[in-house]
């Protein structure tokens, strides 16, 4: 990596600038969890290592002070050899990095926060008309490490971020070992038989589920068009944005994720999927939740299949309805949709 030290330094600096500008816009819970994960990554601690609270607190204070010096800086162009690229030129940067076994991600994530990372390229392949780039060890990253993302026809799967996210999920669950979908998933993956290999087994299978979701996002793209992104960027209310994203997430899962999991009878992943079906995505889709409970009780998966099929049609209609309102009344659409968030019963399935 010596030949790419400057590349790493610039990408990490851009990560710091993005965090300095936007990290504190996160909810307090997500901010603290993100900072904890970033601290573990920077110090290269294994997931199982207990953290010293005072050390973490001191690092957090120092990082926030450091951000004050970074907040007004501009993002730098990314150097690769003798070339320099705009930090959002993911196609150009990856074309230059791929021969050297590296992968780069850059784009606008949730709430418009820029996200960047640079990592080891494990493999690159074509899948369902998309370019899949799978990364391993990460050399630069910001506070937000989404395990998977779709950018300009490229599907990024970050296995390091996925393993860290899974470790956090299992660690939080293990405090009380509550019953529910997550316990069912962990039991299915065989925690009692082989705890050491649990995360590896989960990561191997759940990486495929993440790919399925992003394929669903790609399938939804021609249905909704580029106007969907323009609509989200025009909204200022986080509640409205989150509602709109929940509708599209449900659509993507009904188009790809759920049908494939059901077809493959991937029991562990189905349980894990429902352990992560939270918030509006869950309250908007009671038919799916009821079908899952019925499947757990009876073993009959037909209800899940029927709910996914119904959802594919329903969520496309709801998403189209959101777009139509925005296109017809752009100045008042956000207020209208906000009322739907408050009283979303008619839009639920």
Protein backbone atom coordinates (compact mmCIF):
# COMPACT_ATOMS: atom_id res chain seq x y z
CA UNK A 1 0.00 0.00 0.00
CA UNK A 2 3.05 2.27 0.10
CA UNK A 3 2.46 3.36 -3.52
CA UNK A 4 -1.04 4.52 -2.60
CA UNK A 5 -0.35 6.20 0.72
CA UNK A 6 -1.18 9.63 -0.70
CA UNK A 7 -4.46 8.28 -2.09
CA UNK A 8 -5.37 6.86 1.32
CA UNK A 9 -4.50 10.11 3.08
CA UNK A 10 -6.61 12.23 0.72
CA UNK A 11 -9.63 9.91 0.90
CA UNK A 12 -9.40 9.83 4.69
CA UNK A 13 -9.15 13.62 4.80
CA UNK A 14 -12.30 13.85 2.68
CA UNK A 15 -13.96 11.45 5.13
CA UNK A 16 -13.00 13.74 8.01
CA UNK A 17 -14.43 16.77 6.20
CA UNK A 18 -17.71 14.95 5.50
CA UNK A 19 -17.94 13.90 9.15
CA UNK A 20 -17.07 17.38 10.38
CA UNK A 21 -19.89 18.87 8.32
CA UNK A 22 -22.58 16.26 8.77
CA UNK A 23 -21.94 13.68 11.53
CA UNK A 24 -23.62 15.73 14.22
CA UNK A 25 -26.79 15.88 12.13
CA UNK A 26 -27.35 12.21 13.03
CA UNK A 27 -29.65 11.23 15.88
CA UNK A 28 -27.78 11.02 19.17
CA UNK A 29 -28.16 7.24 19.31
CA UNK A 30 -26.87 6.70 15.77
CA UNK A 31 -24.10 9.23 16.31
CA UNK A 32 -22.76 7.50 19.41
CA UNK A 33 -23.00 4.05 17.80
CA UNK A 34 -21.25 5.36 14.70
CA UNK A 35 -18.48 6.99 16.72
CA UNK A 36 -18.00 3.79 18.72
CA UNK A 37 -17.66 1.77 15.53
CA UNK A 38 -15.27 4.33 14.00
CA UNK A 39 -13.14 4.22 17.16
CA UNK A 40 -12.94 0.42 17.00
CA UNK A 41 -12.01 0.56 13.30
CA UNK A 42 -9.32 3.22 13.74
CA UNK A 43 -7.70 1.30 16.58
CA UNK A 44 -8.03 -2.03 14.76
CA UNK A 45 -9.69 -3.65 17.75
CA UNK A 46 -11.37 -7.04 17.27
CA UNK A 47 -15.16 -6.91 17.75
CA UNK A 48 -14.94 -9.00 20.92
CA UNK A 49 -12.49 -6.69 22.70
CA UNK A 50 -14.04 -4.80 25.65
CA UNK A 51 -13.66 -1.02 25.34
CA UNK A 52 -12.30 1.27 28.04
CA UNK A 53 -15.02 3.88 28.48
CA UNK A 54 -12.65 6.70 29.48
CA UNK A 55 -10.42 6.09 26.45
CA UNK A 56 -13.40 6.15 24.11
CA UNK A 57 -14.76 9.34 25.71
CA UNK A 58 -11.40 11.08 25.42
CA UNK A 59 -11.07 10.06 21.77
CA UNK A 60 -14.58 11.34 21.03
CA UNK A 61 -13.82 14.76 22.52
CA UNK A 62 -10.55 14.98 20.60
CA UNK A 63 -12.26 13.97 17.36
CA UNK A 64 -14.93 16.65 17.72
CA UNK A 65 -12.23 19.26 18.36
CA UNK A 66 -10.35 18.02 15.28
CA UNK A 67 -13.52 18.37 13.20
CA UNK A 68 -13.73 22.05 14.09
CA UNK A 69 -10.53 22.58 12.08
CA UNK A 70 -11.80 20.49 9.15
CA UNK A 71 -15.35 21.74 8.76
CA UNK A 72 -14.62 24.66 6.41
CA UNK A 73 -12.16 22.80 4.19
CA UNK A 74 -13.05 21.79 0.64
CA UNK A 75 -13.00 18.19 -0.55
CA UNK A 76 -9.74 17.36 -2.31
CA UNK A 77 -9.31 15.70 -5.67
CA UNK A 78 -8.27 12.08 -5.32
CA UNK A 79 -4.78 11.27 -6.65
CA UNK A 80 -4.16 7.89 -8.28
CA UNK A 81 -0.67 7.67 -9.72
CA UNK A 82 -0.19 10.69 -11.97
CA UNK A 83 -3.92 11.31 -12.29
CA UNK A 84 -6.36 13.26 -10.13
CA UNK A 85 -10.11 12.79 -9.93
CA UNK A 86 -13.13 14.56 -8.52
CA UNK A 87 -13.97 12.70 -5.27
CA UNK A 88 -17.41 11.80 -6.65
CA UNK A 89 -16.04 10.35 -9.91
CA UNK A 90 -16.38 6.74 -8.77
CA UNK A 91 -16.16 5.29 -12.27
CA UNK A 92 -12.92 7.09 -13.13
CA UNK A 93 -11.30 6.38 -9.77
CA UNK A 94 -12.22 2.70 -9.81
CA UNK A 95 -11.00 2.28 -13.38
CA UNK A 96 -7.61 3.55 -12.18
CA UNK A 97 -7.60 1.57 -8.91
CA UNK A 98 -8.98 -1.81 -10.00
CA UNK A 99 -5.73 -3.05 -11.64
CA UNK A 100 -4.06 -2.47 -8.27
CA UNK A 101 -6.62 -4.44 -6.25
CA UNK A 102 -8.35 -1.44 -4.70
CA UNK A 103 -11.92 -0.17 -4.68
CA UNK A 104 -13.30 3.30 -3.97
CA UNK A 105 -16.77 4.47 -3.03
CA UNK A 106 -18.04 8.03 -3.03
CA UNK A 107 -21.50 9.54 -3.18
CA UNK A 108 -24.36 11.11 -1.27
CA UNK A 109 -25.88 8.88 1.37
CA UNK A 110 -28.73 9.29 3.80
CA UNK A 111 -29.80 12.91 4.43
CA UNK A 112 -27.41 14.05 1.69
CA UNK A 113 -24.25 13.29 3.67
CA UNK A 114 -21.24 12.51 1.45
CA UNK A 115 -19.79 9.06 2.12
CA UNK A 116 -16.33 7.90 1.05
CA UNK A 117 -14.26 4.77 1.54
CA UNK A 118 -11.18 3.08 0.10
CA UNK A 119 -10.60 -0.63 0.52
CA UNK A 120 -9.13 -3.87 -0.72
CA UNK A 121 -10.93 -5.17 -3.82
CA UNK A 122 -11.86 -8.80 -3.27
CA UNK A 123 -13.71 -9.28 -6.53
CA UNK A 124 -15.47 -7.44 -9.32
CA UNK A 125 -18.13 -9.00 -11.54
CA UNK A 126 -21.28 -8.33 -13.53
CA UNK A 127 -24.59 -9.29 -11.93
CA UNK A 128 -28.10 -8.49 -13.19
CA UNK A 129 -26.72 -5.73 -15.39
CA UNK A 130 -24.82 -4.15 -12.49
CA UNK A 131 -21.13 -4.04 -11.65
CA UNK A 132 -20.59 -5.69 -8.26
CA UNK A 133 -17.47 -4.60 -6.37
CA UNK A 134 -16.78 -6.46 -3.13
CA UNK A 135 -14.33 -4.92 -0.68
CA UNK A 136 -12.43 -6.43 2.23
CA UNK A 137 -10.07 -4.55 4.53
CA UNK A 138 -10.77 -0.81 4.50
CA UNK A 139 -7.98 1.77 4.48
CA UNK A 140 -10.13 4.91 4.72
CA UNK A 141 -13.74 5.44 5.81
CA UNK A 142 -16.10 7.86 7.55
CA UNK A 143 -18.54 7.49 10.43
CA UNK A 144 -21.24 6.01 8.17
CA UNK A 145 -20.21 2.60 6.85
CA UNK A 146 -23.21 1.22 4.98
CA UNK A 147 -22.53 -2.47 4.21
CA UNK A 148 -24.05 -2.10 0.73
CA UNK A 149 -24.89 0.74 -1.64
CA UNK A 150 -25.88 1.22 -5.27
CA UNK A 151 -24.11 4.06 -7.09
CA UNK A 152 -24.37 4.79 -10.80
CA UNK A 153 -24.90 1.19 -11.79
CA UNK A 154 -22.25 -0.12 -9.40
CA UNK A 155 -23.18 -2.21 -6.38
CA UNK A 156 -20.68 -1.84 -3.53
CA UNK A 157 -20.59 -4.62 -0.94
CA UNK A 158 -18.36 -3.79 2.04
CA UNK A 159 -17.64 -7.03 3.88
CA UNK A 160 -15.63 -5.32 6.63
CA UNK A 161 -18.53 -2.99 7.41
CA UNK A 162 -20.96 -5.92 7.25
CA UNK A 163 -18.98 -8.00 9.74
CA UNK A 164 -18.72 -5.06 12.14
CA UNK A 165 -22.45 -4.40 11.88
CA UNK A 166 -23.28 -8.05 12.50
CA UNK A 167 -20.92 -8.18 15.48
CA UNK A 168 -22.65 -5.15 16.98
CA UNK A 169 -26.10 -6.71 16.45
CA UNK A 170 -25.08 -9.96 18.13
CA UNK A 171 -23.32 -8.14 20.97
CA UNK A 172 -26.36 -5.98 21.77
CA UNK A 173 -28.67 -9.01 21.61
CA UNK A 174 -26.43 -11.10 23.87
CA UNK A 175 -26.93 -8.70 26.79
CA UNK A 176 -30.50 -9.91 27.35
CA UNK A 177 -30.90 -12.67 24.72
CA UNK A 178 -34.48 -11.61 24.08
CA UNK A 179 -36.85 -13.84 22.14
CA UNK A 180 -37.86 -12.78 18.66
CA UNK A 181 -36.69 -12.84 15.07
CA UNK A 182 -33.04 -12.08 15.89
CA UNK A 183 -32.84 -14.95 18.39
CA UNK A 184 -34.43 -17.22 15.78
CA UNK A 185 -31.81 -16.12 13.25
CA UNK A 186 -28.89 -16.59 15.65
CA UNK A 187 -30.17 -20.01 16.69
CA UNK A 188 -30.62 -20.94 13.03
CA UNK A 189 -27.04 -19.96 12.27
CA UNK A 190 -25.87 -22.23 15.08
CA UNK A 191 -24.53 -20.02 17.84
CA UNK A 192 -24.69 -22.84 20.39
CA UNK A 193 -22.86 -25.31 18.16
CA UNK A 194 -20.10 -22.98 16.96
CA UNK A 195 -20.08 -19.50 18.45
CA UNK A 196 -16.65 -18.65 17.02
CA UNK A 197 -17.81 -19.19 13.46
CA UNK A 198 -21.20 -17.51 13.89
CA UNK A 199 -20.26 -14.14 12.42
CA UNK A 200 -18.48 -15.70 9.45
CA UNK A 201 -21.52 -17.81 8.61
CA UNK A 202 -23.83 -14.86 9.00
CA UNK A 203 -21.64 -12.57 6.91
CA UNK A 204 -21.35 -15.10 4.09
CA UNK A 205 -25.12 -15.50 3.74
CA UNK A 206 -26.27 -12.00 4.66
CA UNK A 207 -23.93 -10.48 2.07
CA UNK A 208 -26.07 -12.20 -0.55
CA UNK A 209 -29.20 -10.69 1.02
CA UNK A 210 -27.70 -7.21 0.78
CA UNK A 211 -26.97 -7.84 -2.89
CA UNK A 212 -30.58 -8.93 -3.40
CA UNK A 213 -31.85 -5.69 -1.86
CA UNK A 214 -29.65 -3.54 -4.09
CA UNK A 215 -30.81 -5.53 -7.12
CA UNK A 216 -34.33 -4.63 -5.99
CA UNK A 217 -33.29 -0.98 -5.85
CA UNK A 218 -32.02 -1.27 -9.42
CA UNK A 219 -35.31 -2.90 -10.48
CA UNK A 220 -37.23 -0.01 -8.91
CA UNK A 221 -35.14 2.59 -10.73
CA UNK A 222 -36.89 2.40 -14.14
CA UNK A 223 -40.27 2.27 -12.41
CA UNK A 224 -39.70 5.55 -10.59
CA UNK A 225 -37.12 7.25 -12.79
CA UNK A 226 -34.60 9.97 -11.89
CA UNK A 227 -37.45 12.14 -10.61
CA UNK A 228 -37.48 10.08 -7.41
CA UNK A 229 -34.02 11.28 -6.45
CA UNK A 230 -34.94 14.86 -7.37
CA UNK A 231 -38.01 14.58 -5.15
CA UNK A 232 -35.99 13.38 -2.15
CA UNK A 233 -33.42 16.14 -2.63
CA UNK A 234 -36.21 18.74 -2.65
CA UNK A 235 -37.56 17.64 0.75
CA UNK A 236 -36.31 19.27 3.94
CA UNK A 237 -38.31 17.19 6.44
CA UNK A 238 -36.43 14.14 7.64
CA UNK A 239 -39.70 12.48 8.50
CA UNK A 240 -40.94 12.84 4.92
CA UNK A 241 -37.62 11.64 3.52
CA UNK A 242 -37.60 8.63 5.83
CA UNK A 243 -41.19 7.80 4.92
CA UNK A 244 -40.38 7.97 1.20
CA UNK A 245 -37.28 5.83 1.65
CA UNK A 246 -39.29 3.28 3.63
CA UNK A 247 -41.78 2.97 0.77
CA UNK A 248 -38.98 2.42 -1.75
CA UNK A 249 -37.15 -0.03 0.54
CA UNK A 250 -40.32 -2.10 0.86
CA UNK A 251 -40.74 -2.00 -2.91
CA UNK A 252 -37.15 -3.16 -3.50
CA UNK A 253 -37.53 -6.02 -1.04
CA UNK A 254 -40.82 -7.17 -2.57
CA UNK A 255 -39.29 -7.10 -6.05
CA UNK A 256 -36.11 -9.00 -5.20
CA UNK A 257 -35.12 -9.77 -1.61
CA UNK A 258 -38.20 -11.55 -0.29
CA UNK A 259 -39.08 -13.55 -3.44
CA UNK A 260 -35.53 -14.90 -3.64
CA UNK A 261 -35.25 -15.74 0.06
CA UNK A 262 -38.59 -17.55 -0.13
CA UNK A 263 -37.63 -19.35 -3.34
CA UNK A 264 -34.33 -20.50 -1.84
CA UNK A 265 -35.94 -21.37 1.51
CA UNK A 266 -33.19 -19.42 3.30
CA UNK A 267 -34.69 -19.77 6.76
CA UNK A 268 -31.88 -18.07 8.68
CA UNK A 269 -31.91 -15.03 6.41
CA UNK A 270 -35.70 -14.75 6.55
CA UNK A 271 -35.53 -14.57 10.35
CA UNK A 272 -32.69 -12.05 10.16
CA UNK A 273 -34.60 -9.96 7.62
CA UNK A 274 -37.54 -9.60 10.00
CA UNK A 275 -35.23 -8.76 12.90
CA UNK A 276 -34.23 -5.68 10.90
CA UNK A 277 -37.71 -4.78 9.64
CA UNK A 278 -38.23 -1.81 11.94
CA UNK A 279 -39.88 1.59 12.18
CA UNK A 280 -42.05 2.76 9.32
CA UNK A 281 -41.06 -0.11 7.06
CA UNK A 282 -42.68 -2.45 9.57
CA UNK A 283 -45.72 -0.38 10.54
CA UNK A 284 -46.52 0.24 6.86
CA UNK A 285 -46.53 -3.48 6.09
CA UNK A 286 -48.58 -5.36 8.75
CA UNK A 287 -49.62 -8.02 6.22
CA UNK A 288 -45.99 -9.07 5.82
CA UNK A 289 -45.36 -9.13 9.58
CA UNK A 290 -48.47 -11.27 10.12
CA UNK A 291 -47.36 -13.64 7.35
CA UNK A 292 -43.98 -14.04 9.04
CA UNK A 293 -45.58 -14.89 12.37
CA UNK A 294 -47.84 -17.40 10.64
CA UNK A 295 -44.85 -19.00 8.93
CA UNK A 296 -43.04 -19.33 12.26
CA UNK A 297 -46.10 -20.97 13.81
CA UNK A 298 -47.17 -23.23 10.96
CA UNK A 299 -44.19 -23.63 8.65
CA UNK A 300 -46.40 -22.61 5.72
CA UNK A 301 -44.46 -20.09 3.64
CA UNK A 302 -47.25 -19.37 1.15
CA UNK A 303 -48.47 -16.38 3.15
CA UNK A 304 -45.05 -14.75 2.94
CA UNK A 305 -44.97 -15.31 -0.79
CA UNK A 306 -48.43 -13.81 -1.20
CA UNK A 307 -47.53 -10.77 0.92
CA UNK A 308 -44.39 -10.13 -1.14
CA UNK A 309 -46.34 -10.37 -4.39
CA UNK A 310 -49.02 -8.00 -3.11
CA UNK A 311 -46.33 -5.66 -1.82
CA UNK A 312 -44.57 -5.42 -5.18
CA UNK A 313 -47.73 -3.95 -6.71
CA UNK A 314 -48.81 -1.91 -3.68
CA UNK A 315 -45.50 -0.18 -2.98
CA UNK A 316 -45.01 0.71 -6.63
CA UNK A 317 -48.44 2.35 -6.56
CA UNK A 318 -47.66 4.24 -3.33
CA UNK A 319 -44.27 5.40 -4.64
CA UNK A 320 -45.90 6.54 -7.88
CA UNK A 321 -48.52 8.39 -5.84
CA UNK A 322 -45.81 10.24 -3.90
CA UNK A 323 -44.11 11.23 -7.15
CA UNK A 324 -47.38 12.36 -8.69
CA UNK A 325 -48.20 14.62 -5.75
CA UNK A 326 -44.71 16.15 -5.88
CA UNK A 327 -44.82 16.71 -9.64
CA UNK A 328 -48.29 18.27 -9.57
CA UNK A 329 -47.86 20.43 -6.46
CA UNK A 330 -44.11 20.79 -5.76
CA UNK A 331 -44.57 23.61 -3.25
CA UNK A 332 -47.15 21.84 -1.07
CA UNK A 333 -46.27 18.18 -1.68
CA UNK A 334 -44.00 17.90 1.34
CA UNK A 335 -46.71 19.15 3.70
CA UNK A 336 -49.22 16.77 2.13
CA UNK A 337 -46.91 13.78 2.48
CA UNK A 338 -46.11 14.78 6.06
CA UNK A 339 -49.81 14.43 6.86
CA UNK A 340 -49.72 10.97 5.31
CA UNK A 341 -46.84 10.07 7.59
CA UNK A 342 -48.96 11.07 10.57
CA UNK A 343 -51.99 9.13 9.32
CA UNK A 344 -50.52 6.48 7.05
CA UNK A 345 -53.23 3.85 7.54
CA UNK A 346 -54.68 4.17 4.01
CA UNK A 347 -51.19 3.70 2.53
CA UNK A 348 -50.33 0.65 4.62
CA UNK A 349 -50.70 -2.92 3.43
